[in-house]
N, C-alpha and C. Protein backbone atom coordinates (compact mmCIF):
# COMPACT_ATOMS: atom_id res chain seq x y z
N MET A 1 87.29 77.87 67.54
CA MET A 1 86.01 77.90 68.58
C MET A 1 84.99 76.87 68.35
N ILE A 2 84.74 75.88 69.41
CA ILE A 2 83.89 74.54 69.49
C ILE A 2 82.33 75.30 69.58
N LYS A 3 81.62 74.65 68.48
CA LYS A 3 80.23 74.73 68.25
C LYS A 3 79.74 73.87 69.54
N LEU A 4 78.28 74.48 70.14
CA LEU A 4 77.89 73.80 71.22
C LEU A 4 77.37 72.65 70.47
N LYS A 5 77.02 71.95 69.19
CA LYS A 5 76.47 70.93 68.94
C LYS A 5 77.69 70.02 69.04
N ASP A 6 79.00 70.22 69.05
CA ASP A 6 79.73 69.29 69.15
C ASP A 6 80.50 69.11 70.55
N LYS A 7 80.17 70.11 71.50
CA LYS A 7 80.54 69.72 72.81
C LYS A 7 79.62 69.13 73.20
N ILE A 8 78.34 69.50 73.24
CA ILE A 8 77.46 68.14 73.44
C ILE A 8 77.59 66.53 73.36
N LEU A 9 77.97 66.61 72.01
CA LEU A 9 78.42 65.23 71.48
C LEU A 9 79.51 64.69 72.30
N SER A 10 80.66 65.67 72.28
CA SER A 10 82.02 65.11 72.76
C SER A 10 81.51 65.06 74.24
N CYS A 11 80.89 65.52 75.06
CA CYS A 11 80.82 65.52 76.56
C CYS A 11 79.96 64.29 76.78
N ARG A 12 78.72 63.71 76.19
CA ARG A 12 78.33 62.51 76.03
C ARG A 12 79.10 61.52 76.03
N LYS A 13 80.03 61.57 74.97
CA LYS A 13 80.66 60.56 74.68
C LYS A 13 81.91 60.29 75.86
N LYS A 14 82.51 60.98 76.25
CA LYS A 14 82.94 60.95 77.10
C LYS A 14 82.73 60.44 78.53
N SER A 15 81.12 60.56 78.63
CA SER A 15 80.92 60.25 79.85
C SER A 15 80.08 58.88 79.35
N GLY A 16 80.51 58.09 78.55
CA GLY A 16 79.92 57.23 77.93
C GLY A 16 78.43 56.91 78.02
N LEU A 17 77.75 57.51 77.67
CA LEU A 17 76.31 58.00 77.79
C LEU A 17 75.78 57.46 76.12
N SER A 18 74.99 56.87 75.82
CA SER A 18 73.99 56.87 74.80
C SER A 18 73.01 57.92 74.97
N GLN A 19 72.63 58.20 73.52
CA GLN A 19 71.84 59.73 73.31
C GLN A 19 70.31 59.53 74.09
N GLU A 20 70.16 57.86 74.48
CA GLU A 20 69.04 57.53 75.36
C GLU A 20 69.40 57.68 77.07
N ALA A 21 70.53 57.54 77.24
CA ALA A 21 70.74 57.35 78.42
C ALA A 21 70.70 58.81 78.83
N LEU A 22 71.10 59.85 78.12
CA LEU A 22 71.75 61.44 78.72
C LEU A 22 69.88 61.73 78.65
N ALA A 23 69.24 61.39 77.52
CA ALA A 23 67.99 62.04 77.60
C ALA A 23 67.60 61.70 78.70
N GLU A 24 67.27 60.53 79.25
CA GLU A 24 67.04 60.22 80.43
C GLU A 24 67.22 60.75 81.68
N GLN A 25 68.69 60.99 81.62
CA GLN A 25 68.95 62.06 82.98
C GLN A 25 68.44 62.87 83.10
N ILE A 26 68.65 63.76 81.79
CA ILE A 26 68.19 65.47 81.89
C ILE A 26 66.69 65.41 81.44
N GLY A 27 65.68 64.75 81.59
CA GLY A 27 64.27 64.79 81.21
C GLY A 27 63.97 65.21 79.81
N VAL A 28 64.53 64.67 78.82
CA VAL A 28 64.64 65.11 77.58
C VAL A 28 64.38 63.42 76.49
N SER A 29 63.39 63.76 75.40
CA SER A 29 63.56 62.46 74.45
C SER A 29 64.93 62.43 73.49
N ARG A 30 65.11 61.17 73.40
CA ARG A 30 66.46 61.22 72.50
C ARG A 30 66.12 61.90 71.33
N GLN A 31 65.64 61.94 70.64
CA GLN A 31 65.07 62.72 69.80
C GLN A 31 65.67 64.44 69.62
N ALA A 32 65.43 64.87 71.13
CA ALA A 32 65.76 65.76 71.43
C ALA A 32 67.66 66.11 71.20
N ILE A 33 68.24 65.28 72.36
CA ILE A 33 69.77 65.23 71.96
C ILE A 33 69.82 64.50 70.42
N SER A 34 69.37 64.09 69.76
CA SER A 34 69.82 63.93 68.10
C SER A 34 70.11 65.24 67.55
N LYS A 35 68.54 66.20 67.95
CA LYS A 35 68.81 66.81 67.14
C LYS A 35 69.78 68.25 67.64
N TRP A 36 69.92 68.16 68.87
CA TRP A 36 71.12 69.14 69.46
C TRP A 36 72.42 68.57 69.03
N GLU A 37 72.87 67.47 68.66
CA GLU A 37 74.30 66.91 68.23
C GLU A 37 74.15 67.29 66.65
N THR A 38 73.30 67.32 65.90
CA THR A 38 73.29 67.56 64.33
C THR A 38 73.08 69.35 64.19
N GLY A 39 72.60 69.98 65.12
CA GLY A 39 72.26 71.39 65.12
C GLY A 39 71.10 71.72 64.61
N ASP A 40 70.10 70.97 64.42
CA ASP A 40 68.65 70.87 64.16
C ASP A 40 67.81 71.58 64.69
N ALA A 41 68.65 72.04 66.38
CA ALA A 41 67.85 72.08 67.39
C ALA A 41 68.99 72.61 68.34
N VAL A 42 68.49 73.75 69.42
CA VAL A 42 69.35 74.40 70.43
C VAL A 42 68.71 73.92 71.62
N PRO A 43 69.17 73.36 72.58
CA PRO A 43 68.90 72.79 73.79
C PRO A 43 68.42 74.05 74.86
N GLU A 44 67.18 74.33 75.73
CA GLU A 44 67.07 75.53 76.56
C GLU A 44 67.91 75.28 77.24
N ILE A 45 68.27 76.55 77.90
CA ILE A 45 69.49 76.73 78.52
C ILE A 45 69.73 76.13 80.44
N GLY A 46 68.49 75.77 80.71
CA GLY A 46 68.33 75.06 82.01
C GLY A 46 68.17 73.42 81.66
N LYS A 47 67.98 73.27 80.56
CA LYS A 47 68.53 71.63 80.44
C LYS A 47 70.16 71.54 80.17
N LEU A 48 71.12 72.37 80.00
CA LEU A 48 72.32 72.54 79.92
C LEU A 48 72.84 72.14 81.54
N TYR A 49 72.46 72.60 82.42
CA TYR A 49 72.50 72.73 83.89
C TYR A 49 71.87 71.36 84.64
N SER A 50 71.52 70.61 83.96
CA SER A 50 70.75 69.61 84.50
C SER A 50 72.06 68.48 84.90
């Protein structure tokens, strides 16, 4: 089973987005994206549907 952090990273890379670009698109900081991808934090469900 794929972990959420790995899915976020995989989807971002498939989309060709930097952490900064993804953060801008969904209205969070680049640091938030970094923390999601390392598993240090979990996004709010609403941010996943942006």
